[in-house]
Amino acid sequence: MQVSENSRVWIYQSDKELTTAQTQKLQQQLNNFTQSWTAHNHQLKAAAMVKYNRFIILLVDESQAGATGCSIDKSVHLMKQLEQEYQINLFDRFNLAYQTASGIASAPRAQFEELIKAGVIDENTIVFNNMVQTLAELQTKWEVPLKNSWHMQLFGGLLVSQL
């Protein structure tokens, strides 16, 4: 599907990694949802993907029909159903994801701060900016070093000196 780089995105991050089987089932559920997702009875040009067995990304190309309050509510309702079905939390914005040598990890804010203080997470650690709003931002500003993310403003003072 060809979509505009201005397409709107929503990112939901699971508090734990899903299995490959769960991810495959979840992707099918998301495909079914996006194929029937409407706003005021207009079909949305939408897609969804699961990345790294942890992130659910919804995308709507609003050049044909824009997402409305009701259509966004439908997606939130779906996410709440998925939370229950998969026993995950998709709405904890203080669960922060970062890249490790062995994959993607996440930590609650307090633990994330401790990892920075201990030097486990540094300014070059790849973090995930789930606040991106467009496809263009997803492609360029979602997976970035901590020093280039909003995380720097919040946690920069905790970084261990590289002297």
N, C-alpha and C. Protein backbone atom coordinates (compact mmCIF):
# COMPACT_ATOMS: atom_id res chain seq x y z
N MET A 1 0.85 -1.18 0.00
CA MET A 1 0.00 0.00 0.00
C MET A 1 0.89 1.24 0.00
N GLN A 2 0.65 2.12 -0.93
CA GLN A 2 1.37 3.40 -0.99
C GLN A 2 0.67 4.39 -0.06
N VAL A 3 1.44 4.99 0.84
CA VAL A 3 0.87 5.97 1.76
C VAL A 3 1.77 7.20 1.81
N SER A 4 1.17 8.28 2.18
CA SER A 4 1.89 9.55 2.29
C SER A 4 2.85 9.52 3.48
N GLU A 5 3.97 10.22 3.33
CA GLU A 5 4.90 10.32 4.47
C GLU A 5 4.29 11.16 5.59
N ASN A 6 3.19 11.87 5.28
CA ASN A 6 2.48 12.63 6.30
C ASN A 6 1.40 11.81 6.99
N SER A 7 1.32 10.52 6.66
CA SER A 7 0.34 9.65 7.31
C SER A 7 0.52 9.70 8.81
N ARG A 8 -0.58 9.67 9.50
CA ARG A 8 -0.58 9.76 10.97
C ARG A 8 -0.26 8.39 11.57
N VAL A 9 0.54 8.37 12.62
CA VAL A 9 0.88 7.10 13.27
C VAL A 9 0.59 7.17 14.77
N TRP A 10 0.27 6.00 15.31
CA TRP A 10 0.12 5.82 16.74
C TRP A 10 0.96 4.59 17.09
N ILE A 11 1.74 4.71 18.15
CA ILE A 11 2.59 3.60 18.57
C ILE A 11 2.18 3.17 19.97
N TYR A 12 1.92 1.88 20.10
CA TYR A 12 1.60 1.28 21.40
C TYR A 12 2.72 0.30 21.72
N GLN A 13 3.33 0.48 22.87
CA GLN A 13 4.46 -0.36 23.26
C GLN A 13 4.03 -1.33 24.35
N SER A 14 4.28 -2.59 24.11
CA SER A 14 3.99 -3.61 25.12
C SER A 14 5.04 -3.57 26.21
N ASP A 15 4.62 -3.87 27.42
CA ASP A 15 5.56 -3.91 28.53
C ASP A 15 6.40 -5.19 28.54
N LYS A 16 6.07 -6.11 27.64
CA LYS A 16 6.90 -7.31 27.52
C LYS A 16 6.88 -7.80 26.07
N GLU A 17 7.90 -8.55 25.74
CA GLU A 17 8.02 -9.07 24.38
C GLU A 17 7.01 -10.19 24.15
N LEU A 18 6.40 -10.17 22.99
CA LEU A 18 5.46 -11.22 22.61
C LEU A 18 6.22 -12.35 21.90
N THR A 19 5.67 -13.54 21.93
CA THR A 19 6.27 -14.65 21.21
C THR A 19 6.00 -14.48 19.72
N THR A 20 6.71 -15.22 18.91
CA THR A 20 6.50 -15.16 17.46
C THR A 20 5.07 -15.57 17.12
N ALA A 21 4.56 -16.61 17.77
CA ALA A 21 3.18 -17.05 17.51
C ALA A 21 2.18 -15.97 17.91
N GLN A 22 2.40 -15.33 19.04
CA GLN A 22 1.50 -14.24 19.47
C GLN A 22 1.56 -13.09 18.46
N THR A 23 2.77 -12.76 18.00
CA THR A 23 2.94 -11.66 17.05
C THR A 23 2.21 -11.95 15.75
N GLN A 24 2.29 -13.18 15.28
CA GLN A 24 1.61 -13.55 14.03
C GLN A 24 0.09 -13.44 14.19
N LYS A 25 -0.42 -13.92 15.31
CA LYS A 25 -1.86 -13.83 15.56
C LYS A 25 -2.28 -12.37 15.69
N LEU A 26 -1.49 -11.60 16.42
CA LEU A 26 -1.77 -10.18 16.62
C LEU A 26 -1.77 -9.43 15.29
N GLN A 27 -0.81 -9.74 14.42
CA GLN A 27 -0.75 -9.07 13.11
C GLN A 27 -2.01 -9.35 12.31
N GLN A 28 -2.52 -10.57 12.37
CA GLN A 28 -3.76 -10.90 11.66
C GLN A 28 -4.94 -10.11 12.23
N GLN A 29 -4.99 -9.99 13.55
CA GLN A 29 -6.06 -9.21 14.18
C GLN A 29 -5.98 -7.74 13.75
N LEU A 30 -4.77 -7.21 13.70
CA LEU A 30 -4.59 -5.83 13.27
C LEU A 30 -4.97 -5.64 11.81
N ASN A 31 -4.61 -6.61 10.96
CA ASN A 31 -4.99 -6.54 9.54
C ASN A 31 -6.51 -6.52 9.40
N ASN A 32 -7.18 -7.38 10.14
CA ASN A 32 -8.65 -7.42 10.10
C ASN A 32 -9.24 -6.09 10.54
N PHE A 33 -8.66 -5.51 11.58
CA PHE A 33 -9.16 -4.23 12.09
C PHE A 33 -8.97 -3.12 11.06
N THR A 34 -7.76 -2.99 10.52
CA THR A 34 -7.49 -1.87 9.60
C THR A 34 -8.29 -2.00 8.30
N GLN A 35 -8.60 -3.23 7.88
CA GLN A 35 -9.39 -3.41 6.66
C GLN A 35 -10.83 -2.94 6.83
N SER A 36 -11.30 -2.91 8.08
CA SER A 36 -12.68 -2.49 8.31
C SER A 36 -12.78 -1.18 9.11
N TRP A 37 -11.64 -0.52 9.32
CA TRP A 37 -11.60 0.71 10.13
C TRP A 37 -12.20 1.85 9.34
N THR A 38 -13.20 2.50 9.91
CA THR A 38 -13.88 3.60 9.22
C THR A 38 -13.96 4.83 10.12
N ALA A 39 -14.18 5.96 9.47
CA ALA A 39 -14.47 7.22 10.15
C ALA A 39 -15.70 7.81 9.47
N HIS A 40 -16.78 7.93 10.21
CA HIS A 40 -18.05 8.44 9.66
C HIS A 40 -18.42 7.69 8.37
N ASN A 41 -18.35 6.37 8.44
CA ASN A 41 -18.71 5.46 7.35
C ASN A 41 -17.81 5.59 6.12
N HIS A 42 -16.66 6.22 6.25
CA HIS A 42 -15.68 6.27 5.17
C HIS A 42 -14.52 5.34 5.54
N GLN A 43 -14.19 4.47 4.63
CA GLN A 43 -13.07 3.54 4.85
C GLN A 43 -11.77 4.34 5.01
N LEU A 44 -11.03 4.04 6.06
CA LEU A 44 -9.73 4.69 6.25
C LEU A 44 -8.67 3.92 5.47
N LYS A 45 -7.75 4.63 4.89
CA LYS A 45 -6.59 4.02 4.25
C LYS A 45 -5.59 3.78 5.38
N ALA A 46 -5.66 2.57 5.93
CA ALA A 46 -4.93 2.28 7.17
C ALA A 46 -4.13 0.99 7.07
N ALA A 47 -3.12 0.93 7.90
CA ALA A 47 -2.29 -0.27 8.00
C ALA A 47 -1.82 -0.39 9.45
N ALA A 48 -1.34 -1.56 9.78
CA ALA A 48 -0.79 -1.78 11.11
C ALA A 48 0.33 -2.79 11.01
N MET A 49 1.27 -2.67 11.93
CA MET A 49 2.37 -3.63 11.96
C MET A 49 2.83 -3.83 13.39
N VAL A 50 3.41 -4.99 13.62
CA VAL A 50 4.03 -5.28 14.90
C VAL A 50 5.53 -5.29 14.64
N LYS A 51 6.26 -4.46 15.38
CA LYS A 51 7.72 -4.39 15.23
C LYS A 51 8.39 -4.94 16.48
N TYR A 52 9.43 -5.70 16.26
CA TYR A 52 10.26 -6.24 17.34
C TYR A 52 9.46 -7.03 18.38
N ASN A 53 8.34 -7.61 17.98
CA ASN A 53 7.48 -8.39 18.89
C ASN A 53 7.06 -7.58 20.12
N ARG A 54 7.05 -6.26 19.98
CA ARG A 54 6.79 -5.41 21.15
C ARG A 54 5.97 -4.16 20.82
N PHE A 55 6.11 -3.61 19.64
CA PHE A 55 5.45 -2.35 19.30
C PHE A 55 4.33 -2.58 18.29
N ILE A 56 3.17 -2.02 18.57
CA ILE A 56 2.05 -2.03 17.62
C ILE A 56 2.00 -0.63 17.02
N ILE A 57 2.10 -0.58 15.70
CA ILE A 57 2.09 0.71 15.01
C ILE A 57 0.86 0.76 14.09
N LEU A 58 0.00 1.74 14.34
CA LEU A 58 -1.15 1.99 13.47
C LEU A 58 -0.84 3.19 12.61
N LEU A 59 -1.29 3.14 11.36
CA LEU A 59 -1.00 4.20 10.40
C LEU A 59 -2.27 4.51 9.63
N VAL A 60 -2.56 5.79 9.46
CA VAL A 60 -3.70 6.22 8.65
C VAL A 60 -3.22 7.31 7.69
N ASP A 61 -3.41 7.06 6.40
CA ASP A 61 -3.14 8.08 5.39
C ASP A 61 -4.39 8.94 5.30
N GLU A 62 -4.31 10.14 5.84
CA GLU A 62 -5.49 10.99 5.94
C GLU A 62 -5.76 11.80 4.68
N SER A 63 -5.05 11.50 3.60
CA SER A 63 -5.29 12.22 2.35
C SER A 63 -6.65 11.86 1.75
N GLN A 64 -7.18 10.67 2.09
CA GLN A 64 -8.50 10.27 1.59
C GLN A 64 -9.60 10.52 2.60
N ALA A 65 -9.37 10.09 3.83
CA ALA A 65 -10.33 10.30 4.92
C ALA A 65 -9.53 10.39 6.20
N GLY A 66 -9.86 11.36 7.02
CA GLY A 66 -9.12 11.57 8.24
C GLY A 66 -9.67 10.77 9.40
N ALA A 67 -8.79 10.39 10.31
CA ALA A 67 -9.22 9.73 11.53
C ALA A 67 -9.97 10.75 12.38
N THR A 68 -11.08 10.32 12.95
CA THR A 68 -11.90 11.19 13.79
C THR A 68 -11.89 10.67 15.22
N GLY A 69 -12.50 11.41 16.12
CA GLY A 69 -12.57 10.98 17.51
C GLY A 69 -13.16 9.59 17.64
N CYS A 70 -14.23 9.32 16.91
CA CYS A 70 -14.88 8.01 17.00
C CYS A 70 -13.99 6.90 16.45
N SER A 71 -13.30 7.19 15.34
CA SER A 71 -12.44 6.14 14.78
C SER A 71 -11.23 5.89 15.67
N ILE A 72 -10.71 6.94 16.28
CA ILE A 72 -9.59 6.77 17.21
C ILE A 72 -10.06 5.99 18.44
N ASP A 73 -11.28 6.28 18.90
CA ASP A 73 -11.84 5.51 20.02
C ASP A 73 -11.92 4.02 19.69
N LYS A 74 -12.27 3.70 18.43
CA LYS A 74 -12.32 2.29 18.02
C LYS A 74 -10.95 1.64 18.16
N SER A 75 -9.91 2.36 17.77
CA SER A 75 -8.56 1.78 17.86
C SER A 75 -8.13 1.61 19.32
N VAL A 76 -8.48 2.57 20.15
CA VAL A 76 -8.15 2.46 21.58
C VAL A 76 -8.89 1.28 22.20
N HIS A 77 -10.16 1.12 21.82
CA HIS A 77 -10.94 -0.03 22.30
C HIS A 77 -10.27 -1.34 21.90
N LEU A 78 -9.79 -1.42 20.66
CA LEU A 78 -9.09 -2.62 20.21
C LEU A 78 -7.84 -2.85 21.06
N MET A 79 -7.07 -1.79 21.31
CA MET A 79 -5.84 -1.95 22.10
C MET A 79 -6.15 -2.45 23.50
N LYS A 80 -7.23 -1.98 24.09
CA LYS A 80 -7.63 -2.45 25.42
C LYS A 80 -8.02 -3.93 25.39
N GLN A 81 -8.67 -4.36 24.31
CA GLN A 81 -9.00 -5.78 24.15
C GLN A 81 -7.73 -6.61 24.01
N LEU A 82 -6.78 -6.11 23.23
CA LEU A 82 -5.53 -6.83 23.03
C LEU A 82 -4.73 -6.93 24.33
N GLU A 83 -4.78 -5.88 25.14
CA GLU A 83 -4.12 -5.93 26.44
C GLU A 83 -4.62 -7.11 27.26
N GLN A 84 -5.94 -7.27 27.30
CA GLN A 84 -6.52 -8.35 28.09
C GLN A 84 -6.18 -9.71 27.48
N GLU A 85 -6.31 -9.81 26.17
CA GLU A 85 -6.07 -11.10 25.51
C GLU A 85 -4.63 -11.57 25.67
N TYR A 86 -3.67 -10.65 25.55
CA TYR A 86 -2.26 -11.02 25.59
C TYR A 86 -1.60 -10.77 26.95
N GLN A 87 -2.38 -10.28 27.91
CA GLN A 87 -1.87 -10.00 29.25
C GLN A 87 -0.65 -9.08 29.19
N ILE A 88 -0.83 -7.95 28.49
CA ILE A 88 0.23 -6.95 28.33
C ILE A 88 -0.32 -5.59 28.70
N ASN A 89 0.57 -4.62 28.89
CA ASN A 89 0.17 -3.24 29.13
C ASN A 89 0.66 -2.42 27.94
N LEU A 90 -0.28 -1.77 27.25
CA LEU A 90 0.05 -0.96 26.07
C LEU A 90 -0.06 0.54 26.34
N PHE A 91 -0.45 0.92 27.55
CA PHE A 91 -0.72 2.33 27.81
C PHE A 91 0.19 2.95 28.87
N ASP A 92 1.23 2.26 29.28
CA ASP A 92 2.15 2.80 30.28
C ASP A 92 3.22 3.62 29.58
N ARG A 93 3.05 4.93 29.56
CA ARG A 93 3.99 5.82 28.86
C ARG A 93 5.30 5.99 29.62
N PHE A 94 5.36 5.48 30.87
CA PHE A 94 6.61 5.56 31.63
C PHE A 94 7.38 4.25 31.59
N ASN A 95 6.98 3.35 30.70
CA ASN A 95 7.74 2.14 30.44
C ASN A 95 8.57 2.46 29.18
N LEU A 96 9.88 2.61 29.36
CA LEU A 96 10.74 3.14 28.30
C LEU A 96 11.53 2.01 27.65
N ALA A 97 11.52 1.99 26.32
CA ALA A 97 12.20 0.94 25.57
C ALA A 97 13.55 1.43 25.05
N TYR A 98 14.50 0.51 25.01
CA TYR A 98 15.84 0.82 24.53
C TYR A 98 16.45 -0.45 23.96
N GLN A 99 17.48 -0.26 23.15
CA GLN A 99 18.14 -1.38 22.49
C GLN A 99 19.31 -1.86 23.35
N THR A 100 19.46 -3.17 23.40
CA THR A 100 20.60 -3.79 24.08
C THR A 100 21.32 -4.65 23.06
N ALA A 101 22.43 -5.23 23.45
CA ALA A 101 23.16 -6.12 22.56
C ALA A 101 22.33 -7.35 22.18
N SER A 102 21.39 -7.72 23.04
CA SER A 102 20.60 -8.92 22.78
C SER A 102 19.19 -8.64 22.27
N GLY A 103 18.85 -7.37 22.06
CA GLY A 103 17.52 -7.07 21.53
C GLY A 103 16.95 -5.81 22.14
N ILE A 104 15.62 -5.78 22.25
CA ILE A 104 14.92 -4.63 22.80
C ILE A 104 14.52 -4.95 24.24
N ALA A 105 14.75 -4.01 25.12
CA ALA A 105 14.34 -4.15 26.51
C ALA A 105 13.51 -2.92 26.88
N SER A 106 12.80 -3.03 27.98
CA SER A 106 12.08 -1.87 28.48
C SER A 106 12.16 -1.87 30.00
N ALA A 107 12.00 -0.69 30.55
CA ALA A 107 12.09 -0.53 31.99
C ALA A 107 11.17 0.59 32.45
N PRO A 108 10.60 0.43 33.64
CA PRO A 108 9.85 1.55 34.20
C PRO A 108 10.78 2.74 34.42
N ARG A 109 10.23 3.92 34.51
CA ARG A 109 11.05 5.14 34.57
C ARG A 109 12.13 5.07 35.65
N ALA A 110 11.80 4.66 36.86
CA ALA A 110 12.78 4.63 37.95
C ALA A 110 13.94 3.69 37.62
N GLN A 111 13.63 2.54 37.06
CA GLN A 111 14.68 1.58 36.69
C GLN A 111 15.50 2.13 35.52
N PHE A 112 14.85 2.79 34.57
CA PHE A 112 15.54 3.40 33.44
C PHE A 112 16.56 4.42 33.96
N GLU A 113 16.15 5.23 34.93
CA GLU A 113 17.06 6.21 35.53
C GLU A 113 18.26 5.53 36.18
N GLU A 114 18.02 4.43 36.88
CA GLU A 114 19.11 3.69 37.53
C GLU A 114 20.08 3.12 36.50
N LEU A 115 19.55 2.64 35.37
CA LEU A 115 20.40 2.11 34.30
C LEU A 115 21.29 3.20 33.71
N ILE A 116 20.77 4.41 33.62
CA ILE A 116 21.57 5.54 33.14
C ILE A 116 22.66 5.86 34.15
N LYS A 117 22.28 5.96 35.41
CA LYS A 117 23.26 6.28 36.46
C LYS A 117 24.38 5.24 36.51
N ALA A 118 24.04 3.98 36.24
CA ALA A 118 25.02 2.90 36.28
C ALA A 118 25.84 2.82 35.00
N GLY A 119 25.50 3.63 33.99
CA GLY A 119 26.23 3.61 32.74
C GLY A 119 25.81 2.51 31.78
N VAL A 120 24.77 1.76 32.13
CA VAL A 120 24.27 0.71 31.24
C VAL A 120 23.63 1.34 30.01
N ILE A 121 22.91 2.43 30.25
CA ILE A 121 22.32 3.22 29.17
C ILE A 121 23.13 4.51 29.10
N ASP A 122 23.63 4.84 27.90
CA ASP A 122 24.39 6.08 27.75
C ASP A 122 23.80 6.91 26.61
N GLU A 123 24.46 7.99 26.29
CA GLU A 123 23.91 8.92 25.28
C GLU A 123 23.80 8.31 23.89
N ASN A 124 24.53 7.22 23.64
CA ASN A 124 24.47 6.56 22.33
C ASN A 124 23.53 5.36 22.28
N THR A 125 22.93 5.02 23.41
CA THR A 125 21.97 3.92 23.45
C THR A 125 20.76 4.29 22.60
N ILE A 126 20.34 3.38 21.75
CA ILE A 126 19.16 3.62 20.92
C ILE A 126 17.92 3.50 21.80
N VAL A 127 17.11 4.55 21.77
CA VAL A 127 15.84 4.57 22.49
C VAL A 127 14.70 4.73 21.48
N PHE A 128 13.50 4.50 21.94
CA PHE A 128 12.34 4.55 21.05
C PHE A 128 11.45 5.72 21.43
N ASN A 129 11.28 6.62 20.48
CA ASN A 129 10.46 7.81 20.67
C ASN A 129 9.05 7.50 20.17
N ASN A 130 8.22 6.97 21.05
CA ASN A 130 6.87 6.56 20.67
C ASN A 130 5.91 7.73 20.51
N MET A 131 6.44 8.95 20.60
CA MET A 131 5.60 10.13 20.43
C MET A 131 5.63 10.67 19.01
N VAL A 132 6.32 9.98 18.10
CA VAL A 132 6.31 10.44 16.71
C VAL A 132 4.88 10.42 16.20
N GLN A 133 4.57 11.30 15.26
CA GLN A 133 3.19 11.45 14.84
C GLN A 133 2.94 11.16 13.36
N THR A 134 4.00 11.10 12.55
CA THR A 134 3.82 10.87 11.11
C THR A 134 4.73 9.72 10.66
N LEU A 135 4.44 9.21 9.48
CA LEU A 135 5.27 8.16 8.92
C LEU A 135 6.70 8.66 8.71
N ALA A 136 6.87 9.90 8.26
CA ALA A 136 8.21 10.46 8.07
C ALA A 136 8.97 10.47 9.40
N GLU A 137 8.31 10.89 10.48
CA GLU A 137 8.97 10.89 11.79
C GLU A 137 9.26 9.47 12.26
N LEU A 138 8.36 8.55 11.98
CA LEU A 138 8.59 7.15 12.35
C LEU A 138 9.87 6.64 11.70
N GLN A 139 10.07 7.00 10.45
CA GLN A 139 11.23 6.52 9.71
C GLN A 139 12.52 7.20 10.12
N THR A 140 12.45 8.40 10.70
CA THR A 140 13.68 9.14 11.00
C THR A 140 13.88 9.47 12.48
N LYS A 141 12.83 9.46 13.28
CA LYS A 141 12.96 9.92 14.67
C LYS A 141 12.45 8.92 15.70
N TRP A 142 12.10 7.72 15.28
CA TRP A 142 11.56 6.74 16.23
C TRP A 142 12.68 6.02 16.96
N GLU A 143 13.62 5.45 16.22
CA GLU A 143 14.76 4.74 16.81
C GLU A 143 15.97 5.65 16.70
N VAL A 144 16.32 6.29 17.81
CA VAL A 144 17.40 7.28 17.79
C VAL A 144 18.28 7.14 19.03
N PRO A 145 19.53 7.62 18.94
CA PRO A 145 20.36 7.64 20.15
C PRO A 145 19.70 8.54 21.20
N LEU A 146 19.87 8.18 22.45
CA LEU A 146 19.29 8.95 23.55
C LEU A 146 19.62 10.43 23.42
N LYS A 147 20.85 10.75 23.00
CA LYS A 147 21.26 12.15 22.90
C LYS A 147 20.44 12.95 21.88
N ASN A 148 19.77 12.27 20.94
CA ASN A 148 18.96 12.94 19.92
C ASN A 148 17.46 12.81 20.17
N SER A 149 17.09 12.39 21.36
CA SER A 149 15.69 12.13 21.68
C SER A 149 15.19 13.05 22.79
N TRP A 150 13.91 13.08 22.97
CA TRP A 150 13.32 13.82 24.09
C TRP A 150 13.84 13.27 25.41
N HIS A 151 14.29 12.02 25.43
CA HIS A 151 14.82 11.41 26.64
C HIS A 151 15.96 12.25 27.23
N MET A 152 16.72 12.90 26.35
CA MET A 152 17.89 13.68 26.79
C MET A 152 17.47 14.81 27.72
N GLN A 153 16.37 15.49 27.38
CA GLN A 153 15.90 16.58 28.23
C GLN A 153 15.53 16.08 29.62
N LEU A 154 14.93 14.92 29.68
CA LEU A 154 14.45 14.39 30.95
C LEU A 154 15.56 13.71 31.75
N PHE A 155 16.45 12.99 31.05
CA PHE A 155 17.42 12.14 31.75
C PHE A 155 18.87 12.55 31.55
N GLY A 156 19.13 13.59 30.73
CA GLY A 156 20.50 13.97 30.40
C GLY A 156 21.38 14.25 31.61
N GLY A 157 20.80 14.83 32.66
CA GLY A 157 21.58 15.15 33.85
C GLY A 157 22.06 13.92 34.61
N LEU A 158 21.50 12.77 34.28
CA LEU A 158 21.89 11.53 34.97
C LEU A 158 23.01 10.79 34.30
N LEU A 159 23.36 11.21 33.07
CA LEU A 159 24.37 10.48 32.31
C LEU A 159 25.70 10.46 33.03
N VAL A 160 26.33 9.29 33.00
CA VAL A 160 27.65 9.12 33.60
C VAL A 160 28.66 9.83 32.70
N SER A 161 29.54 10.60 33.29
CA SER A 161 30.55 11.33 32.52
C SER A 161 31.45 10.36 31.76
N GLN A 162 31.76 10.71 30.53
CA GLN A 162 32.58 9.86 29.68
C GLN A 162 34.07 10.23 29.75
N LEU A 163 34.51 10.82 30.86
CA LEU A 163 35.90 11.25 31.01
C LEU A 163 36.86 10.10 31.11
